Amino acid sequence: MAGDLHNKVAIITGGTSGIGADSAVLFAEQGAKVVIAGRREAEGKKVLDQVRAKGGDAIFVKTDVSKAADVEALVKKTVEKYGRVDTAFNNAGIEGNWKNIVDQSEAEWDSVIDINLKGVWLCLKYQITQMLKQGTGGTIVNMSSVAGLMGTPAAAPYGASKHGVLALTKTAALECASKKIRVNAVCPAVIETDMAARLFFVDQATTDYMRGQHPIGRFGTSRDISEAVLWLASERSAFMTGHHITLDGGFLAGPKARG
């Protein structure tokens, strides 16, 4: 295979479904050697089969991004298999339980922050360490959200984690710019994934209302996001670091009195 990531080695966390899975397939189609990371082995192996069915080169590494030992092992196994880390998409995340701030428990807060924010920090820590060791630069893309750009009622842990991801992205970009390591983020609105289905596709009225918040007239697809991630991971975006791409079908463009 040849493409934008020909012979690059890519780590994709949260790669067992949705945007992560689609990105794994797309990166492989573009010539990358892909390391699919996630907590669910059965789902991970299905994505691995999809990649290999298209002629891609990939492995699956069971990983809980909230655990330093797991993330360190993920990077180590990547290097053992492919020799280096050239790019990473830190996509793993959960939505948590959407409740008002006063109703959130400490455990509910911790579970979201541990995966969505601490997990991205741990990934950056070990990915950047390896890239610095290599001395050849690299690219990293972090998963944020439109919830990282606005307040979202009943989603304090999720919103706080996604705001935090953007702060980590900017900080890492500044720290690494002179080392030829670029760090950016993506901020999707509602994308047709299992996570969105649990939140917004519970009944027709809710689905119709949420679709109406997107002036473009539809929800996003995993491919809408993975194509942007591919661009950020490739040299086509060589002059971009410390920023985010908002992929929201117009969600944040103006008043949401639609639908």
Protein backbone atom coordinates (compact mmCIF):
# COMPACT_ATOMS: atom_id res chain seq x y z
CA MET A 1 0.00 0.00 0.00
CA ALA A 2 1.09 3.57 -0.63
CA GLY A 3 -0.43 6.81 0.56
CA ASP A 4 -0.10 9.76 2.89
CA LEU A 5 1.28 7.54 5.67
CA HIS A 6 3.34 5.11 3.59
CA ASN A 7 5.49 2.99 5.93
CA LYS A 8 4.65 5.18 8.94
CA VAL A 9 3.91 3.47 12.26
CA ALA A 10 0.66 4.63 13.83
CA ILE A 11 -0.87 4.02 17.26
CA ILE A 12 -4.65 4.43 17.50
CA THR A 13 -6.25 4.22 20.94
CA GLY A 14 -9.94 3.49 21.28
CA GLY A 15 -9.45 1.61 18.05
CA THR A 16 -12.02 -1.11 18.65
CA SER A 17 -15.07 0.73 17.30
CA GLY A 18 -16.44 3.93 15.78
CA ILE A 19 -14.00 6.67 14.82
CA GLY A 20 -10.99 4.72 16.07
CA ALA A 21 -11.83 1.63 14.05
CA ASP A 22 -12.51 3.66 10.91
CA SER A 23 -9.23 5.50 11.39
CA ALA A 24 -7.34 2.22 11.75
CA VAL A 25 -8.69 1.02 8.41
CA LEU A 26 -8.08 4.37 6.69
CA PHE A 27 -4.53 4.70 8.03
CA ALA A 28 -3.75 1.19 6.81
CA GLU A 29 -5.21 2.02 3.40
CA GLN A 30 -2.82 4.96 3.31
CA GLY A 31 0.16 2.69 3.93
CA ALA A 32 0.62 2.89 7.70
CA LYS A 33 1.53 0.03 9.96
CA VAL A 34 -1.22 0.28 12.56
CA VAL A 35 -1.26 -0.58 16.24
CA ILE A 36 -4.87 -0.84 17.41
CA ALA A 37 -5.25 -0.23 21.14
CA GLY A 38 -8.33 -0.77 23.29
CA ARG A 39 -9.77 -2.59 26.25
CA ARG A 40 -12.05 -4.96 24.30
CA GLU A 41 -10.11 -7.83 22.78
CA ALA A 42 -12.91 -9.38 20.72
CA GLU A 43 -13.81 -6.06 19.10
CA GLY A 44 -10.15 -5.24 18.59
CA LYS A 45 -9.55 -8.47 16.74
CA LYS A 46 -12.51 -7.75 14.46
CA VAL A 47 -10.96 -4.42 13.47
CA LEU A 48 -7.62 -6.16 13.03
CA ASP A 49 -9.27 -8.60 10.64
CA GLN A 50 -10.78 -5.70 8.68
CA VAL A 51 -7.39 -4.07 8.31
CA ARG A 52 -5.68 -7.29 7.26
CA ALA A 53 -8.47 -8.12 4.83
CA LYS A 54 -7.53 -4.95 2.95
CA GLY A 55 -3.88 -5.96 2.91
CA GLY A 56 -2.87 -3.79 5.83
CA ASP A 57 -0.19 -4.52 8.42
CA ALA A 58 -1.50 -4.23 11.99
CA ILE A 59 -1.49 -5.63 15.51
CA PHE A 60 -3.86 -5.29 18.45
CA VAL A 61 -2.59 -4.42 21.93
CA LYS A 62 -5.02 -4.62 24.83
CA THR A 63 -4.71 -1.27 26.61
CA ASP A 64 -6.42 0.69 29.35
CA VAL A 65 -5.21 4.24 28.72
CA SER A 66 -5.95 5.26 32.30
CA LYS A 67 -3.10 3.00 33.49
CA ALA A 68 0.47 4.17 33.01
CA ALA A 69 1.84 0.63 32.81
CA ASP A 70 -0.56 -0.21 29.98
CA VAL A 71 0.31 2.87 27.95
CA GLU A 72 4.04 2.39 28.48
CA ALA A 73 3.65 -1.25 27.38
CA LEU A 74 1.65 -0.16 24.32
CA VAL A 75 4.48 2.06 23.11
CA LYS A 76 7.07 -0.59 23.97
CA LYS A 77 5.21 -3.30 22.03
CA THR A 78 4.83 -0.95 19.07
CA VAL A 79 8.57 -0.36 18.98
CA GLU A 80 9.31 -4.06 19.45
CA LYS A 81 7.11 -4.91 16.47
CA TYR A 82 7.73 -2.01 14.10
CA GLY A 83 10.84 -0.25 15.41
CA ARG A 84 9.41 3.21 16.08
CA VAL A 85 6.33 5.43 16.54
CA ASP A 86 5.69 8.00 13.80
CA THR A 87 2.14 9.10 14.52
CA ALA A 88 -0.62 8.56 17.07
CA PHE A 89 -4.33 9.21 17.34
CA ASN A 90 -5.32 9.44 21.00
CA ASN A 91 -8.98 8.68 20.53
CA ALA A 92 -10.00 6.55 23.53
CA GLY A 93 -12.83 8.05 25.52
CA ILE A 94 -16.11 7.47 27.33
CA GLU A 95 -19.19 9.63 27.78
CA GLY A 96 -19.88 8.82 31.42
CA ASN A 97 -23.25 9.38 33.05
CA TRP A 98 -24.82 12.68 32.06
CA LYS A 99 -26.19 14.31 35.21
CA ASN A 100 -26.18 17.75 36.74
CA ILE A 101 -23.02 18.65 38.66
CA VAL A 102 -24.65 18.20 42.07
CA ASP A 103 -25.80 14.70 41.14
CA GLN A 104 -22.44 13.43 39.86
CA SER A 105 -20.61 11.08 42.19
CA GLU A 106 -16.86 11.25 42.74
CA ALA A 107 -16.52 7.83 41.11
CA GLU A 108 -18.41 9.00 38.01
CA TRP A 109 -16.21 12.07 37.75
CA ASP A 110 -13.02 10.04 38.18
CA SER A 111 -13.95 7.42 35.59
CA VAL A 112 -14.40 10.02 32.83
CA ILE A 113 -11.39 12.15 33.74
CA ASP A 114 -9.15 9.07 34.09
CA ILE A 115 -9.82 7.87 30.56
CA ASN A 116 -10.57 11.06 28.61
CA LEU A 117 -7.98 13.38 30.15
CA LYS A 118 -5.44 11.40 32.16
CA GLY A 119 -5.43 8.84 29.34
CA VAL A 120 -4.48 11.47 26.77
CA TRP A 121 -1.76 12.82 29.08
CA LEU A 122 -0.29 9.33 29.56
CA CYS A 123 -0.36 8.69 25.82
CA LEU A 124 1.39 11.99 25.14
CA LYS A 125 3.96 11.26 27.85
CA TYR A 126 5.07 7.93 26.43
CA GLN A 127 4.56 8.70 22.73
CA ILE A 128 6.57 11.91 22.93
CA THR A 129 9.29 10.19 24.95
CA GLN A 130 9.68 7.62 22.18
CA MET A 131 9.57 10.21 19.40
CA LEU A 132 12.25 12.27 21.15
CA LYS A 133 14.38 9.14 21.51
CA GLN A 134 14.06 8.48 17.79
CA GLY A 135 14.89 12.08 16.93
CA THR A 136 12.90 11.94 13.71
CA GLY A 137 9.83 13.95 14.75
CA GLY A 138 6.25 12.80 14.53
CA THR A 139 2.60 13.76 14.63
CA ILE A 140 -0.03 13.32 17.32
CA VAL A 141 -3.76 13.94 17.11
CA ASN A 142 -5.93 14.10 20.24
CA MET A 143 -9.68 13.57 20.40
CA SER A 144 -11.54 16.49 21.93
CA SER A 145 -15.14 17.52 21.14
CA VAL A 146 -17.40 20.49 20.62
CA ALA A 147 -18.00 19.92 24.35
CA GLY A 148 -14.42 21.13 24.75
CA LEU A 149 -15.39 24.45 23.18
CA MET A 150 -18.67 25.18 24.99
CA GLY A 151 -20.59 24.45 28.15
CA THR A 152 -22.75 21.33 28.04
CA PRO A 153 -25.45 20.93 30.72
CA ALA A 154 -25.40 17.56 32.51
CA ALA A 155 -21.95 16.74 31.13
CA ALA A 156 -19.50 18.38 33.54
CA PRO A 157 -16.95 15.52 33.63
CA TYR A 158 -17.09 15.00 29.88
CA GLY A 159 -16.90 18.70 29.08
CA ALA A 160 -14.10 19.30 31.55
CA SER A 161 -12.11 16.41 30.11
CA LYS A 162 -12.50 17.65 26.55
CA HIS A 163 -11.55 21.22 27.48
CA GLY A 164 -8.53 19.73 29.21
CA VAL A 165 -7.52 17.79 26.11
CA LEU A 166 -7.23 21.07 24.20
CA ALA A 167 -5.00 22.51 26.92
CA LEU A 168 -2.80 19.41 26.78
CA THR A 169 -2.68 19.68 22.99
CA LYS A 170 -1.50 23.30 23.04
CA THR A 171 1.04 22.68 25.80
CA ALA A 172 2.51 19.59 24.13
CA ALA A 173 2.67 21.40 20.80
CA LEU A 174 4.66 24.26 22.30
CA GLU A 175 7.00 21.94 24.17
CA CYS A 176 7.66 19.82 21.08
CA ALA A 177 7.59 22.28 18.18
CA SER A 178 11.37 22.63 18.00
CA LYS A 179 11.71 18.84 18.03
CA LYS A 180 9.62 18.41 14.85
CA ILE A 181 6.74 16.82 16.76
CA ARG A 182 3.37 18.32 15.89
CA VAL A 183 0.34 17.97 18.18
CA ASN A 184 -3.20 18.87 17.16
CA ALA A 185 -6.77 17.89 18.02
CA VAL A 186 -10.19 17.32 16.48
CA CYS A 187 -13.49 18.53 17.93
CA PRO A 188 -16.47 16.64 16.50
CA ALA A 189 -20.14 17.30 17.16
CA VAL A 190 -22.57 14.35 17.10
CA ILE A 191 -21.11 11.47 15.10
CA GLU A 192 -22.94 8.26 14.24
CA THR A 193 -21.21 5.98 16.75
CA ASP A 194 -22.30 3.67 19.55
CA MET A 195 -21.48 6.41 22.07
CA ALA A 196 -23.75 8.92 20.34
CA ALA A 197 -26.47 6.30 20.05
CA ARG A 198 -26.49 5.80 23.82
CA LEU A 199 -26.92 9.53 24.37
CA PHE A 200 -28.90 10.93 21.46
CA PHE A 201 -30.60 8.11 19.56
CA VAL A 202 -32.73 6.88 22.45
CA ASP A 203 -35.99 7.96 20.83
CA GLN A 204 -37.08 9.63 17.59
CA ALA A 205 -37.83 13.00 19.17
CA THR A 206 -34.34 13.26 20.68
CA THR A 207 -32.71 12.11 17.46
CA ASP A 208 -34.66 14.62 15.38
CA TYR A 209 -33.88 17.44 17.80
CA MET A 210 -30.16 16.71 17.82
CA ARG A 211 -30.04 16.40 14.04
CA GLY A 212 -31.69 19.81 13.90
CA GLN A 213 -28.77 21.28 15.82
CA HIS A 214 -26.53 20.54 12.82
CA PRO A 215 -27.34 23.06 10.05
CA ILE A 216 -25.77 20.79 7.46
CA GLY A 217 -28.79 18.53 7.99
CA ARG A 218 -27.18 15.31 9.17
CA PHE A 219 -24.97 13.79 11.84
CA GLY A 220 -21.30 13.24 11.14
CA THR A 221 -19.84 9.89 10.18
CA SER A 222 -16.71 8.21 11.45
CA ARG A 223 -15.13 8.75 8.04
CA ASP A 224 -15.78 12.51 8.30
CA ILE A 225 -13.53 12.53 11.36
CA SER A 226 -10.93 9.98 10.31
CA GLU A 227 -10.22 11.87 7.08
CA ALA A 228 -9.42 14.99 9.11
CA VAL A 229 -7.27 12.97 11.49
CA LEU A 230 -5.40 11.53 8.52
CA TRP A 231 -4.67 15.04 7.24
CA LEU A 232 -3.37 16.14 10.64
CA ALA A 233 -1.23 12.99 10.92
CA SER A 234 0.28 13.48 7.47
CA GLU A 235 2.77 15.96 6.08
CA ARG A 236 -0.06 17.73 4.28
CA SER A 237 -0.57 19.66 7.53
CA ALA A 238 3.15 20.29 8.06
CA PHE A 239 2.72 23.90 9.24
CA MET A 240 -0.07 23.21 11.73
CA THR A 241 0.51 22.51 15.41
CA GLY A 242 -1.20 23.42 18.67
CA HIS A 243 -4.62 23.81 17.10
CA HIS A 244 -7.88 21.94 16.63
CA ILE A 245 -10.21 21.25 13.74
CA THR A 246 -13.92 21.61 14.54
CA LEU A 247 -16.01 19.07 12.60
CA ASP A 248 -19.58 19.89 13.52
CA GLY A 249 -21.78 20.46 10.49
CA GLY A 250 -22.30 24.05 11.58
CA PHE A 251 -23.24 23.17 15.17
CA LEU A 252 -21.23 26.04 16.66
CA ALA A 253 -21.73 28.50 13.82
CA GLY A 254 -24.77 30.24 15.27
CA PRO A 255 -28.01 29.98 17.28
CA LYS A 256 -29.23 26.41 17.52
CA ALA A 257 -32.93 27.12 17.19
CA ARG A 258 -33.29 24.55 14.46
CA GLY A 259 -35.23 21.29 14.25
